[in-house]
Amino acid sequence: MKIRTFSDIPLIGMGYINNMYHYGFEKFVEDFKAAGMDGVIIPDVPHEESGDMRRIAAAHEFILAEFITPGTTEARMKEICQDASGFIYCVSNNGVTGVKKVDYSTIGTVCTKARSYTKTPLAVGFGIGSPEAAVEAAAHADAVIVGSAVVKQLLAGKLDEAAQLIADMRTALDKRYCD
């Protein structure tokens, strides 16, 4: 909760359902929200199995991110988009997360299709590890999600480098989209 004394930027955590399930999803949402968090990304829960979690999250005004990928069928995308709140995580490519060269035009096509089903903001993630990649991904969405590149720096104890990467991405995005 201490972070809320100096920032009102929405904060979204990420974790796996097994821990939340054992903790109790409703208790998790209540405690996470009390700690100042606004939502969660749970990559191992498919939309079709998230109904109870979506209801609990909605009752607590807590974001439970939905996912779409280049392989999401149109019928499934329509359902996900209609049920989504907060934002939709648009996975930029098939495969595992991590910094890599990505052709963001593929997810751009997915984002264009998704926009016909929802006004919920779209956030592109997977493979974003540089200011240039952030700008390229942002061309197709309302936000970018950067995880692995920052976590890698943090795990190596390189706090200054992580902060600089974030600052450089923000500067590049502002220069491209806000000037």
N, C-alpha and C. Protein backbone atom coordinates (compact mmCIF):
# COMPACT_ATOMS: atom_id res chain seq x y z
N MET A 1 0.82 -1.19 0.00
CA MET A 1 0.00 0.00 0.00
C MET A 1 0.87 1.25 0.00
N LYS A 2 2.11 1.13 0.46
CA LYS A 2 2.99 2.28 0.54
C LYS A 2 3.17 2.98 -0.80
N ILE A 3 3.20 2.23 -1.90
CA ILE A 3 3.39 2.85 -3.21
C ILE A 3 2.25 3.81 -3.52
N ARG A 4 1.07 3.59 -3.02
CA ARG A 4 -0.08 4.46 -3.29
C ARG A 4 0.07 5.83 -2.63
N THR A 5 1.05 6.01 -1.77
CA THR A 5 1.27 7.33 -1.18
C THR A 5 1.95 8.27 -2.17
N PHE A 6 2.55 7.72 -3.23
CA PHE A 6 3.20 8.60 -4.20
C PHE A 6 2.91 8.25 -5.66
N SER A 7 2.04 7.30 -5.92
CA SER A 7 1.72 6.96 -7.30
C SER A 7 0.29 6.42 -7.40
N ASP A 8 -0.42 6.88 -8.44
CA ASP A 8 -1.74 6.33 -8.70
C ASP A 8 -1.77 5.58 -10.03
N ILE A 9 -0.59 5.30 -10.57
CA ILE A 9 -0.48 4.52 -11.80
C ILE A 9 -1.00 3.12 -11.53
N PRO A 10 -1.87 2.60 -12.39
CA PRO A 10 -2.37 1.24 -12.17
C PRO A 10 -1.23 0.22 -12.12
N LEU A 11 -1.31 -0.69 -11.17
CA LEU A 11 -0.30 -1.72 -10.99
C LEU A 11 -0.93 -3.10 -11.18
N ILE A 12 -0.34 -3.86 -12.08
CA ILE A 12 -0.84 -5.19 -12.42
C ILE A 12 0.27 -6.18 -12.12
N GLY A 13 -0.05 -7.22 -11.35
CA GLY A 13 0.90 -8.28 -11.06
C GLY A 13 0.71 -9.44 -12.03
N MET A 14 1.63 -10.38 -11.95
CA MET A 14 1.53 -11.57 -12.79
C MET A 14 1.91 -12.78 -11.96
N GLY A 15 1.14 -13.83 -12.10
CA GLY A 15 1.45 -15.05 -11.39
C GLY A 15 0.69 -16.22 -11.97
N TYR A 16 0.89 -17.36 -11.36
CA TYR A 16 0.27 -18.58 -11.86
C TYR A 16 -0.84 -19.02 -10.93
N ILE A 17 -1.86 -19.62 -11.49
CA ILE A 17 -3.09 -19.92 -10.78
C ILE A 17 -2.88 -20.85 -9.59
N ASN A 18 -1.94 -21.77 -9.66
CA ASN A 18 -1.79 -22.74 -8.58
C ASN A 18 -1.62 -22.04 -7.23
N ASN A 19 -0.78 -21.03 -7.16
CA ASN A 19 -0.58 -20.29 -5.91
C ASN A 19 -1.86 -19.58 -5.47
N MET A 20 -2.52 -18.95 -6.40
CA MET A 20 -3.75 -18.22 -6.08
C MET A 20 -4.86 -19.18 -5.68
N TYR A 21 -4.92 -20.30 -6.35
CA TYR A 21 -5.93 -21.32 -6.05
C TYR A 21 -5.77 -21.83 -4.62
N HIS A 22 -4.55 -22.13 -4.23
CA HIS A 22 -4.31 -22.63 -2.87
C HIS A 22 -4.54 -21.54 -1.82
N TYR A 23 -4.28 -20.32 -2.16
CA TYR A 23 -4.50 -19.19 -1.26
C TYR A 23 -5.99 -18.90 -1.11
N GLY A 24 -6.70 -19.14 -2.20
CA GLY A 24 -8.12 -18.78 -2.30
C GLY A 24 -8.22 -17.55 -3.18
N PHE A 25 -8.86 -17.68 -4.35
CA PHE A 25 -8.83 -16.58 -5.31
C PHE A 25 -9.47 -15.31 -4.76
N GLU A 26 -10.59 -15.43 -4.08
CA GLU A 26 -11.24 -14.21 -3.56
C GLU A 26 -10.36 -13.55 -2.50
N LYS A 27 -9.78 -14.33 -1.61
CA LYS A 27 -8.87 -13.76 -0.60
C LYS A 27 -7.65 -13.13 -1.27
N PHE A 28 -7.15 -13.79 -2.31
CA PHE A 28 -6.02 -13.24 -3.06
C PHE A 28 -6.38 -11.86 -3.62
N VAL A 29 -7.54 -11.76 -4.28
CA VAL A 29 -7.97 -10.48 -4.86
C VAL A 29 -8.11 -9.43 -3.76
N GLU A 30 -8.75 -9.78 -2.67
CA GLU A 30 -8.93 -8.82 -1.57
C GLU A 30 -7.58 -8.36 -1.02
N ASP A 31 -6.68 -9.29 -0.78
CA ASP A 31 -5.37 -8.93 -0.20
C ASP A 31 -4.50 -8.18 -1.21
N PHE A 32 -4.54 -8.61 -2.46
CA PHE A 32 -3.74 -7.94 -3.50
C PHE A 32 -4.22 -6.51 -3.68
N LYS A 33 -5.54 -6.33 -3.68
CA LYS A 33 -6.11 -4.99 -3.82
C LYS A 33 -5.77 -4.13 -2.60
N ALA A 34 -5.85 -4.72 -1.41
CA ALA A 34 -5.50 -3.99 -0.19
C ALA A 34 -4.03 -3.56 -0.19
N ALA A 35 -3.20 -4.33 -0.90
CA ALA A 35 -1.77 -4.00 -1.00
C ALA A 35 -1.51 -2.90 -2.03
N GLY A 36 -2.57 -2.46 -2.73
CA GLY A 36 -2.41 -1.38 -3.69
C GLY A 36 -2.37 -1.81 -5.15
N MET A 37 -2.60 -3.08 -5.39
CA MET A 37 -2.58 -3.59 -6.77
C MET A 37 -3.96 -3.43 -7.41
N ASP A 38 -3.95 -3.30 -8.73
CA ASP A 38 -5.19 -3.07 -9.47
C ASP A 38 -5.67 -4.27 -10.27
N GLY A 39 -4.81 -5.26 -10.45
CA GLY A 39 -5.20 -6.40 -11.24
C GLY A 39 -4.10 -7.42 -11.34
N VAL A 40 -4.39 -8.47 -12.13
CA VAL A 40 -3.45 -9.56 -12.26
C VAL A 40 -3.53 -10.17 -13.66
N ILE A 41 -2.38 -10.64 -14.12
CA ILE A 41 -2.26 -11.41 -15.35
C ILE A 41 -2.00 -12.85 -14.91
N ILE A 42 -2.83 -13.77 -15.36
CA ILE A 42 -2.66 -15.19 -15.01
C ILE A 42 -2.56 -15.97 -16.33
N PRO A 43 -1.35 -16.17 -16.84
CA PRO A 43 -1.22 -16.74 -18.18
C PRO A 43 -1.63 -18.20 -18.32
N ASP A 44 -1.76 -18.93 -17.21
CA ASP A 44 -2.09 -20.36 -17.35
C ASP A 44 -3.57 -20.66 -17.11
N VAL A 45 -4.43 -19.64 -17.19
CA VAL A 45 -5.87 -19.87 -17.07
C VAL A 45 -6.54 -19.46 -18.37
N PRO A 46 -7.06 -20.44 -19.11
CA PRO A 46 -7.77 -20.09 -20.35
C PRO A 46 -9.09 -19.39 -20.05
N HIS A 47 -9.52 -18.58 -20.97
CA HIS A 47 -10.75 -17.81 -20.82
C HIS A 47 -11.93 -18.71 -20.42
N GLU A 48 -12.01 -19.86 -21.04
CA GLU A 48 -13.13 -20.77 -20.81
C GLU A 48 -13.19 -21.27 -19.37
N GLU A 49 -12.09 -21.18 -18.64
CA GLU A 49 -12.05 -21.66 -17.26
C GLU A 49 -12.00 -20.52 -16.24
N SER A 50 -12.20 -19.29 -16.70
CA SER A 50 -12.01 -18.14 -15.81
C SER A 50 -13.30 -17.48 -15.35
N GLY A 51 -14.44 -18.06 -15.64
CA GLY A 51 -15.72 -17.42 -15.32
C GLY A 51 -15.87 -17.03 -13.86
N ASP A 52 -15.61 -17.96 -12.94
CA ASP A 52 -15.72 -17.64 -11.51
C ASP A 52 -14.72 -16.56 -11.11
N MET A 53 -13.51 -16.64 -11.63
CA MET A 53 -12.50 -15.63 -11.31
C MET A 53 -12.89 -14.27 -11.86
N ARG A 54 -13.46 -14.23 -13.05
CA ARG A 54 -13.91 -12.95 -13.62
C ARG A 54 -15.00 -12.33 -12.77
N ARG A 55 -15.92 -13.16 -12.28
CA ARG A 55 -17.01 -12.64 -11.43
C ARG A 55 -16.44 -12.09 -10.11
N ILE A 56 -15.52 -12.81 -9.50
CA ILE A 56 -14.91 -12.35 -8.25
C ILE A 56 -14.15 -11.05 -8.50
N ALA A 57 -13.34 -11.02 -9.55
CA ALA A 57 -12.57 -9.81 -9.86
C ALA A 57 -13.50 -8.62 -10.09
N ALA A 58 -14.56 -8.82 -10.86
CA ALA A 58 -15.50 -7.73 -11.15
C ALA A 58 -16.16 -7.23 -9.87
N ALA A 59 -16.51 -8.14 -8.97
CA ALA A 59 -17.15 -7.74 -7.71
C ALA A 59 -16.23 -6.87 -6.86
N HIS A 60 -14.93 -6.99 -7.06
CA HIS A 60 -13.95 -6.22 -6.28
C HIS A 60 -13.31 -5.09 -7.11
N GLU A 61 -13.88 -4.84 -8.31
CA GLU A 61 -13.32 -3.83 -9.22
C GLU A 61 -11.82 -4.06 -9.41
N PHE A 62 -11.50 -5.28 -9.76
CA PHE A 62 -10.12 -5.75 -9.90
C PHE A 62 -9.97 -6.32 -11.32
N ILE A 63 -8.90 -5.99 -11.99
CA ILE A 63 -8.69 -6.41 -13.37
C ILE A 63 -8.15 -7.84 -13.41
N LEU A 64 -8.78 -8.65 -14.23
CA LEU A 64 -8.27 -9.98 -14.56
C LEU A 64 -8.03 -9.95 -16.07
N ALA A 65 -6.77 -9.83 -16.45
CA ALA A 65 -6.44 -9.66 -17.87
C ALA A 65 -6.84 -10.87 -18.69
N GLU A 66 -7.37 -10.61 -19.86
CA GLU A 66 -7.70 -11.65 -20.84
C GLU A 66 -6.59 -11.65 -21.90
N PHE A 67 -6.44 -12.77 -22.61
CA PHE A 67 -5.39 -12.92 -23.61
C PHE A 67 -5.98 -13.22 -24.98
N ILE A 68 -5.34 -12.65 -26.01
CA ILE A 68 -5.55 -13.10 -27.37
C ILE A 68 -4.17 -13.27 -28.00
N THR A 69 -4.09 -14.17 -28.97
CA THR A 69 -2.82 -14.48 -29.62
C THR A 69 -3.02 -14.52 -31.13
N PRO A 70 -1.94 -14.64 -31.88
CA PRO A 70 -2.10 -14.80 -33.33
C PRO A 70 -2.90 -16.05 -33.69
N GLY A 71 -2.98 -17.03 -32.81
CA GLY A 71 -3.72 -18.25 -33.09
C GLY A 71 -5.15 -18.28 -32.57
N THR A 72 -5.60 -17.20 -31.93
CA THR A 72 -6.95 -17.16 -31.39
C THR A 72 -7.97 -17.13 -32.53
N THR A 73 -8.94 -18.04 -32.46
CA THR A 73 -9.97 -18.05 -33.50
C THR A 73 -10.84 -16.80 -33.36
N GLU A 74 -11.50 -16.45 -34.43
CA GLU A 74 -12.34 -15.25 -34.40
C GLU A 74 -13.50 -15.40 -33.41
N ALA A 75 -14.12 -16.58 -33.35
CA ALA A 75 -15.23 -16.79 -32.41
C ALA A 75 -14.75 -16.65 -30.97
N ARG A 76 -13.60 -17.22 -30.66
CA ARG A 76 -13.05 -17.13 -29.30
C ARG A 76 -12.64 -15.69 -28.99
N MET A 77 -12.05 -15.02 -29.97
CA MET A 77 -11.65 -13.63 -29.78
C MET A 77 -12.86 -12.76 -29.45
N LYS A 78 -13.95 -12.97 -30.17
CA LYS A 78 -15.17 -12.19 -29.93
C LYS A 78 -15.64 -12.39 -28.50
N GLU A 79 -15.66 -13.63 -28.02
CA GLU A 79 -16.09 -13.91 -26.65
C GLU A 79 -15.14 -13.28 -25.62
N ILE A 80 -13.85 -13.43 -25.84
CA ILE A 80 -12.86 -12.85 -24.92
C ILE A 80 -13.03 -11.33 -24.88
N CYS A 81 -13.14 -10.71 -26.04
CA CYS A 81 -13.27 -9.25 -26.10
C CYS A 81 -14.54 -8.77 -25.41
N GLN A 82 -15.62 -9.49 -25.54
CA GLN A 82 -16.87 -9.09 -24.91
C GLN A 82 -16.80 -9.22 -23.39
N ASP A 83 -16.04 -10.18 -22.88
CA ASP A 83 -15.94 -10.41 -21.43
C ASP A 83 -14.83 -9.60 -20.77
N ALA A 84 -13.93 -9.01 -21.54
CA ALA A 84 -12.73 -8.37 -20.99
C ALA A 84 -13.04 -7.07 -20.26
N SER A 85 -12.21 -6.80 -19.27
CA SER A 85 -12.24 -5.50 -18.58
C SER A 85 -10.81 -5.10 -18.30
N GLY A 86 -10.59 -3.84 -18.12
CA GLY A 86 -9.23 -3.36 -17.84
C GLY A 86 -8.41 -3.24 -19.10
N PHE A 87 -7.90 -4.37 -19.59
CA PHE A 87 -7.16 -4.40 -20.84
C PHE A 87 -7.10 -5.84 -21.33
N ILE A 88 -6.77 -6.00 -22.60
CA ILE A 88 -6.58 -7.32 -23.19
C ILE A 88 -5.10 -7.46 -23.52
N TYR A 89 -4.49 -8.53 -23.04
CA TYR A 89 -3.09 -8.82 -23.30
C TYR A 89 -3.00 -9.49 -24.67
N CYS A 90 -2.38 -8.82 -25.61
CA CYS A 90 -2.22 -9.33 -26.97
C CYS A 90 -0.81 -9.92 -27.09
N VAL A 91 -0.73 -11.23 -27.09
CA VAL A 91 0.55 -11.92 -27.14
C VAL A 91 1.09 -11.80 -28.57
N SER A 92 2.27 -11.21 -28.70
CA SER A 92 2.78 -10.83 -30.01
C SER A 92 3.14 -11.99 -30.92
N ASN A 93 3.44 -13.15 -30.34
CA ASN A 93 3.86 -14.27 -31.18
C ASN A 93 3.62 -15.59 -30.45
N ASN A 94 3.57 -16.65 -31.21
CA ASN A 94 3.44 -17.97 -30.60
C ASN A 94 4.80 -18.40 -30.08
N GLY A 95 4.82 -19.02 -28.93
CA GLY A 95 6.08 -19.47 -28.35
C GLY A 95 6.19 -19.01 -26.92
N VAL A 96 7.41 -18.98 -26.42
CA VAL A 96 7.64 -18.60 -25.04
C VAL A 96 8.03 -17.14 -24.95
N THR A 97 7.84 -16.60 -23.74
CA THR A 97 8.17 -15.21 -23.52
C THR A 97 9.69 -15.01 -23.52
N GLY A 98 10.10 -13.78 -23.61
CA GLY A 98 11.52 -13.45 -23.61
C GLY A 98 11.83 -12.47 -24.73
N VAL A 99 12.95 -11.80 -24.58
CA VAL A 99 13.36 -10.81 -25.57
C VAL A 99 13.79 -11.53 -26.84
N LYS A 100 13.23 -11.13 -27.96
CA LYS A 100 13.56 -11.71 -29.25
C LYS A 100 13.09 -10.77 -30.35
N LYS A 101 13.53 -11.00 -31.55
CA LYS A 101 13.08 -10.22 -32.70
C LYS A 101 11.67 -10.70 -33.06
N VAL A 102 10.74 -9.77 -33.13
CA VAL A 102 9.35 -10.10 -33.40
C VAL A 102 8.84 -9.27 -34.56
N ASP A 103 8.06 -9.89 -35.42
CA ASP A 103 7.35 -9.17 -36.47
C ASP A 103 6.00 -8.76 -35.88
N TYR A 104 5.89 -7.52 -35.45
CA TYR A 104 4.68 -7.05 -34.77
C TYR A 104 3.51 -6.84 -35.71
N SER A 105 3.72 -6.93 -37.02
CA SER A 105 2.58 -6.79 -37.93
C SER A 105 1.59 -7.93 -37.75
N THR A 106 2.07 -9.10 -37.33
CA THR A 106 1.17 -10.23 -37.10
C THR A 106 0.17 -9.91 -36.00
N ILE A 107 0.65 -9.42 -34.87
CA ILE A 107 -0.28 -9.07 -33.78
C ILE A 107 -1.06 -7.82 -34.15
N GLY A 108 -0.51 -7.00 -35.04
CA GLY A 108 -1.26 -5.83 -35.51
C GLY A 108 -2.55 -6.23 -36.20
N THR A 109 -2.50 -7.28 -36.99
CA THR A 109 -3.70 -7.80 -37.65
C THR A 109 -4.69 -8.31 -36.61
N VAL A 110 -4.19 -9.00 -35.59
CA VAL A 110 -5.05 -9.50 -34.51
C VAL A 110 -5.70 -8.33 -33.77
N CYS A 111 -4.91 -7.31 -33.47
CA CYS A 111 -5.44 -6.13 -32.75
C CYS A 111 -6.52 -5.43 -33.57
N THR A 112 -6.31 -5.30 -34.86
CA THR A 112 -7.31 -4.67 -35.72
C THR A 112 -8.63 -5.43 -35.65
N LYS A 113 -8.55 -6.75 -35.70
CA LYS A 113 -9.75 -7.58 -35.62
C LYS A 113 -10.40 -7.43 -34.24
N ALA A 114 -9.60 -7.45 -33.19
CA ALA A 114 -10.12 -7.34 -31.82
C ALA A 114 -10.85 -6.02 -31.62
N ARG A 115 -10.36 -4.95 -32.21
CA ARG A 115 -10.99 -3.63 -32.05
C ARG A 115 -12.42 -3.62 -32.60
N SER A 116 -12.74 -4.53 -33.50
CA SER A 116 -14.11 -4.58 -34.01
C SER A 116 -15.07 -5.20 -32.99
N TYR A 117 -14.53 -5.82 -31.92
CA TYR A 117 -15.35 -6.46 -30.89
C TYR A 117 -15.33 -5.77 -29.54
N THR A 118 -14.42 -4.81 -29.36
CA THR A 118 -14.28 -4.22 -28.02
C THR A 118 -13.71 -2.81 -28.07
N LYS A 119 -14.00 -2.08 -27.02
CA LYS A 119 -13.37 -0.78 -26.79
C LYS A 119 -12.34 -0.90 -25.66
N THR A 120 -12.22 -2.10 -25.09
CA THR A 120 -11.25 -2.34 -24.02
C THR A 120 -9.85 -2.12 -24.58
N PRO A 121 -8.99 -1.41 -23.87
CA PRO A 121 -7.63 -1.17 -24.36
C PRO A 121 -6.88 -2.48 -24.64
N LEU A 122 -6.02 -2.42 -25.65
CA LEU A 122 -5.20 -3.55 -26.04
C LEU A 122 -3.74 -3.27 -25.67
N ALA A 123 -3.08 -4.25 -25.08
CA ALA A 123 -1.68 -4.11 -24.70
C ALA A 123 -0.89 -5.26 -25.31
N VAL A 124 0.15 -4.94 -26.09
CA VAL A 124 0.98 -5.96 -26.72
C VAL A 124 2.15 -6.30 -25.81
N GLY A 125 2.40 -7.60 -25.67
CA GLY A 125 3.53 -8.08 -24.89
C GLY A 125 4.16 -9.28 -25.54
N PHE A 126 5.30 -9.70 -25.04
CA PHE A 126 6.15 -10.82 -25.50
C PHE A 126 7.20 -10.28 -26.46
N GLY A 127 8.43 -10.38 -26.08
CA GLY A 127 9.54 -10.04 -26.97
C GLY A 127 9.97 -8.60 -26.96
N ILE A 128 9.38 -7.77 -26.13
CA ILE A 128 9.72 -6.34 -26.13
C ILE A 128 10.90 -6.13 -25.18
N GLY A 129 12.05 -5.83 -25.75
CA GLY A 129 13.25 -5.69 -24.93
C GLY A 129 14.07 -4.45 -25.23
N SER A 130 13.56 -3.59 -26.09
CA SER A 130 14.31 -2.38 -26.45
C SER A 130 13.33 -1.26 -26.71
N PRO A 131 13.81 -0.02 -26.68
CA PRO A 131 12.94 1.10 -27.02
C PRO A 131 12.35 0.98 -28.43
N GLU A 132 13.15 0.47 -29.36
CA GLU A 132 12.68 0.32 -30.73
C GLU A 132 11.54 -0.70 -30.81
N ALA A 133 11.70 -1.81 -30.11
CA ALA A 133 10.65 -2.83 -30.10
C ALA A 133 9.38 -2.29 -29.45
N ALA A 134 9.53 -1.51 -28.39
CA ALA A 134 8.36 -0.93 -27.72
C ALA A 134 7.59 -0.02 -28.67
N VAL A 135 8.30 0.81 -29.41
CA VAL A 135 7.66 1.71 -30.37
C VAL A 135 6.97 0.92 -31.47
N GLU A 136 7.64 -0.13 -31.96
CA GLU A 136 7.06 -0.94 -33.03
C GLU A 136 5.79 -1.64 -32.55
N ALA A 137 5.81 -2.21 -31.35
CA ALA A 137 4.65 -2.90 -30.81
C ALA A 137 3.51 -1.92 -30.52
N ALA A 138 3.85 -0.75 -30.02
CA ALA A 138 2.84 0.25 -29.66
C ALA A 138 2.07 0.77 -30.87
N ALA A 139 2.62 0.60 -32.04
CA ALA A 139 1.92 1.05 -33.24
C ALA A 139 0.60 0.31 -33.44
N HIS A 140 0.46 -0.83 -32.78
CA HIS A 140 -0.72 -1.67 -32.98
C HIS A 140 -1.66 -1.71 -31.78
N ALA A 141 -1.29 -1.05 -30.69
CA ALA A 141 -2.06 -1.21 -29.45
C ALA A 141 -2.08 0.08 -28.66
N ASP A 142 -2.72 0.01 -27.50
CA ASP A 142 -2.82 1.16 -26.62
C ASP A 142 -1.71 1.19 -25.58
N ALA A 143 -1.02 0.05 -25.42
CA ALA A 143 0.04 -0.06 -24.42
C ALA A 143 0.96 -1.20 -24.79
N VAL A 144 2.12 -1.21 -24.17
CA VAL A 144 3.05 -2.33 -24.32
C VAL A 144 3.33 -2.91 -22.94
N ILE A 145 3.60 -4.20 -22.93
CA ILE A 145 3.93 -4.90 -21.69
C ILE A 145 5.36 -5.40 -21.81
N VAL A 146 6.19 -4.98 -20.89
CA VAL A 146 7.59 -5.39 -20.88
C VAL A 146 7.83 -6.15 -19.59
N GLY A 147 8.22 -7.39 -19.71
CA GLY A 147 8.45 -8.21 -18.54
C GLY A 147 9.85 -8.76 -18.49
N SER A 148 10.16 -9.70 -19.36
CA SER A 148 11.43 -10.44 -19.30
C SER A 148 12.66 -9.54 -19.32
N ALA A 149 12.65 -8.51 -20.15
CA ALA A 149 13.83 -7.65 -20.26
C ALA A 149 14.12 -6.94 -18.94
N VAL A 150 13.08 -6.51 -18.25
CA VAL A 150 13.26 -5.82 -16.97
C VAL A 150 13.59 -6.83 -15.87
N VAL A 151 12.86 -7.94 -15.84
CA VAL A 151 13.11 -8.96 -14.81
C VAL A 151 14.53 -9.48 -14.90
N LYS A 152 15.03 -9.68 -16.12
CA LYS A 152 16.41 -10.14 -16.30
C LYS A 152 17.41 -9.20 -15.63
N GLN A 153 17.21 -7.91 -15.82
CA GLN A 153 18.10 -6.91 -15.19
C GLN A 153 17.96 -6.95 -13.67
N LEU A 154 16.74 -7.04 -13.20
CA LEU A 154 16.50 -7.04 -11.76
C LEU A 154 17.11 -8.27 -11.09
N LEU A 155 16.94 -9.43 -11.72
CA LEU A 155 17.49 -10.66 -11.15
C LEU A 155 19.02 -10.64 -11.11
N ALA A 156 19.62 -9.89 -12.03
CA ALA A 156 21.08 -9.76 -12.06
C ALA A 156 21.55 -8.66 -11.11
N GLY A 157 20.61 -8.05 -10.38
CA GLY A 157 20.97 -6.98 -9.46
C GLY A 157 21.29 -5.67 -10.14
N LYS A 158 20.89 -5.53 -11.39
CA LYS A 158 21.20 -4.33 -12.17
C LYS A 158 20.01 -3.37 -12.14
N LEU A 159 19.76 -2.80 -10.97
CA LEU A 159 18.60 -1.92 -10.80
C LEU A 159 18.70 -0.67 -11.66
N ASP A 160 19.89 -0.10 -11.73
CA ASP A 160 20.07 1.11 -12.53
C ASP A 160 19.82 0.83 -14.01
N GLU A 161 20.30 -0.33 -14.50
CA GLU A 161 20.10 -0.69 -15.90
C GLU A 161 18.62 -0.93 -16.19
N ALA A 162 17.91 -1.56 -15.26
CA ALA A 162 16.47 -1.79 -15.44
C ALA A 162 15.75 -0.45 -15.50
N ALA A 163 16.08 0.45 -14.60
CA ALA A 163 15.45 1.77 -14.58
C ALA A 163 15.76 2.52 -15.87
N GLN A 164 16.99 2.41 -16.36
CA GLN A 164 17.37 3.10 -17.59
C GLN A 164 16.63 2.53 -18.79
N LEU A 165 16.46 1.21 -18.84
CA LEU A 165 15.72 0.59 -19.94
C LEU A 165 14.28 1.10 -19.95
N ILE A 166 13.66 1.14 -18.80
CA ILE A 166 12.28 1.64 -18.71
C ILE A 166 12.23 3.11 -19.13
N ALA A 167 13.16 3.91 -18.66
CA ALA A 167 13.19 5.33 -19.02
C ALA A 167 13.40 5.51 -20.52
N ASP A 168 14.31 4.72 -21.10
CA ASP A 168 14.57 4.83 -22.54
C ASP A 168 13.34 4.43 -23.36
N MET A 169 12.63 3.39 -22.89
CA MET A 169 11.41 2.99 -23.60
C MET A 169 10.36 4.09 -23.51
N ARG A 170 10.21 4.64 -22.32
CA ARG A 170 9.23 5.72 -22.14
C ARG A 170 9.56 6.93 -23.01
N THR A 171 10.82 7.29 -23.05
CA THR A 171 11.24 8.42 -23.88
C THR A 171 10.95 8.15 -25.36
N ALA A 172 11.28 6.95 -25.83
CA ALA A 172 11.04 6.60 -27.23
C ALA A 172 9.54 6.60 -27.55
N LEU A 173 8.73 6.05 -26.64
CA LEU A 173 7.29 6.04 -26.87
C LEU A 173 6.72 7.45 -26.86
N ASP A 174 7.14 8.27 -25.90
CA ASP A 174 6.66 9.65 -25.85
C ASP A 174 7.05 10.42 -27.09
N LYS A 175 8.28 10.23 -27.54
CA LYS A 175 8.76 10.94 -28.71
C LYS A 175 7.97 10.54 -29.96
N ARG A 176 7.66 9.26 -30.08
CA ARG A 176 6.94 8.77 -31.26
C ARG A 176 5.45 9.08 -31.22
N TYR A 177 4.83 8.97 -30.05
CA TYR A 177 3.38 9.04 -29.99
C TYR A 177 2.82 10.27 -29.27
N CYS A 178 3.66 11.03 -28.62
CA CYS A 178 3.14 12.18 -27.86
C CYS A 178 3.63 13.53 -28.38
N ASP A 179 4.61 13.54 -29.24
CA ASP A 179 5.12 14.82 -29.76
C ASP A 179 4.28 15.33 -30.91
